[in-house]
């Protein structure tokens, strides 16, 4: 039996000038305008809602690629990073 090596899958976000689907944009709009908050700031409702949204996104990515949500790491680039 051949043993499979499990390597990480790296899915980089597109650059700010890359084309995105309309659905991606519409799903993200509330987090720019209405539901702003830092997912790491769990002590208040804004952070709690942001954390829940990140958890949902992690589950969606995991379902899409057939992985476990706990293995998905989402990273946000800092302003100016390439």
Protein backbone atom coordinates (compact mmCIF):
# COMPACT_ATOMS: atom_id res chain seq x y z
CA UNK A 1 0.00 0.00 0.00
CA UNK A 2 1.30 3.46 -0.93
CA UNK A 3 1.29 5.93 1.92
CA UNK A 4 0.05 9.40 1.00
CA UNK A 5 1.94 12.40 2.30
CA UNK A 6 -0.42 15.09 3.51
CA UNK A 7 1.00 18.45 2.54
CA UNK A 8 -0.68 21.76 3.32
CA UNK A 9 -2.70 23.47 0.62
CA UNK A 10 -1.92 27.17 0.33
CA UNK A 11 -4.72 29.28 -1.12
CA UNK A 12 -3.55 32.86 -1.38
CA UNK A 13 -6.06 35.65 -1.67
CA UNK A 14 -5.97 37.49 -4.96
CA UNK A 15 -4.32 40.86 -5.14
CA UNK A 16 -6.55 43.89 -4.68
CA UNK A 17 -6.52 44.49 -8.44
CA UNK A 18 -7.54 40.91 -9.34
CA UNK A 19 -11.04 40.13 -10.56
CA UNK A 20 -13.39 38.57 -8.00
CA UNK A 21 -16.77 36.97 -8.37
CA UNK A 22 -19.82 39.11 -7.61
CA UNK A 23 -20.84 36.65 -4.87
CA UNK A 24 -17.53 37.09 -3.07
CA UNK A 25 -18.03 40.82 -3.01
CA UNK A 26 -21.64 40.68 -1.87
CA UNK A 27 -20.80 38.25 0.95
CA UNK A 28 -18.04 40.55 2.20
CA UNK A 29 -19.85 43.91 2.00
CA UNK A 30 -21.53 43.71 5.43
CA UNK A 31 -18.13 43.31 7.06
CA UNK A 32 -16.88 46.54 5.52
CA UNK A 33 -19.98 48.62 6.26
CA UNK A 34 -22.14 47.17 9.02
CA UNK A 35 -20.57 44.28 10.93
CA UNK A 36 -17.07 45.52 11.51
CA UNK A 37 -14.99 44.03 14.28
CA UNK A 38 -11.78 42.18 15.01
CA UNK A 39 -12.28 38.41 15.30
CA UNK A 40 -9.52 38.30 17.92
CA UNK A 41 -11.40 40.79 20.15
CA UNK A 42 -13.82 38.34 21.73
CA UNK A 43 -14.65 40.48 24.76
CA UNK A 44 -17.32 42.48 22.88
CA UNK A 45 -20.15 41.71 20.47
CA UNK A 46 -18.35 43.16 17.42
CA UNK A 47 -15.46 40.74 17.87
CA UNK A 48 -17.76 37.83 18.66
CA UNK A 49 -19.73 38.36 15.44
CA UNK A 50 -16.52 38.68 13.43
CA UNK A 51 -15.17 35.48 14.97
CA UNK A 52 -18.39 33.64 14.10
CA UNK A 53 -18.13 34.86 10.49
CA UNK A 54 -14.51 33.68 10.26
CA UNK A 55 -15.52 30.29 11.66
CA UNK A 56 -18.27 30.01 9.03
CA UNK A 57 -15.79 30.91 6.29
CA UNK A 58 -13.35 28.30 7.61
CA UNK A 59 -16.10 25.65 7.51
CA UNK A 60 -17.06 26.64 3.96
CA UNK A 61 -13.46 26.34 2.75
CA UNK A 62 -13.07 22.98 4.52
CA UNK A 63 -16.25 21.65 2.92
CA UNK A 64 -15.11 22.86 -0.49
CA UNK A 65 -11.77 21.04 -0.36
CA UNK A 66 -12.78 18.06 1.77
CA UNK A 67 -10.83 19.01 4.88
CA UNK A 68 -11.57 19.49 8.55
CA UNK A 69 -12.40 23.07 9.53
CA UNK A 70 -9.85 22.98 12.37
CA UNK A 71 -7.07 22.50 9.83
CA UNK A 72 -7.92 25.66 7.86
CA UNK A 73 -5.81 28.70 8.73
CA UNK A 74 -7.11 32.05 7.51
CA UNK A 75 -4.61 34.88 7.42
CA UNK A 76 -5.22 38.54 6.70
CA UNK A 77 -2.45 40.53 5.12
CA UNK A 78 -1.51 43.76 6.78
CA UNK A 79 -1.94 46.95 4.84
CA UNK A 80 0.88 47.30 2.34
CA UNK A 81 2.00 43.66 2.39
CA UNK A 82 2.46 41.94 -0.95
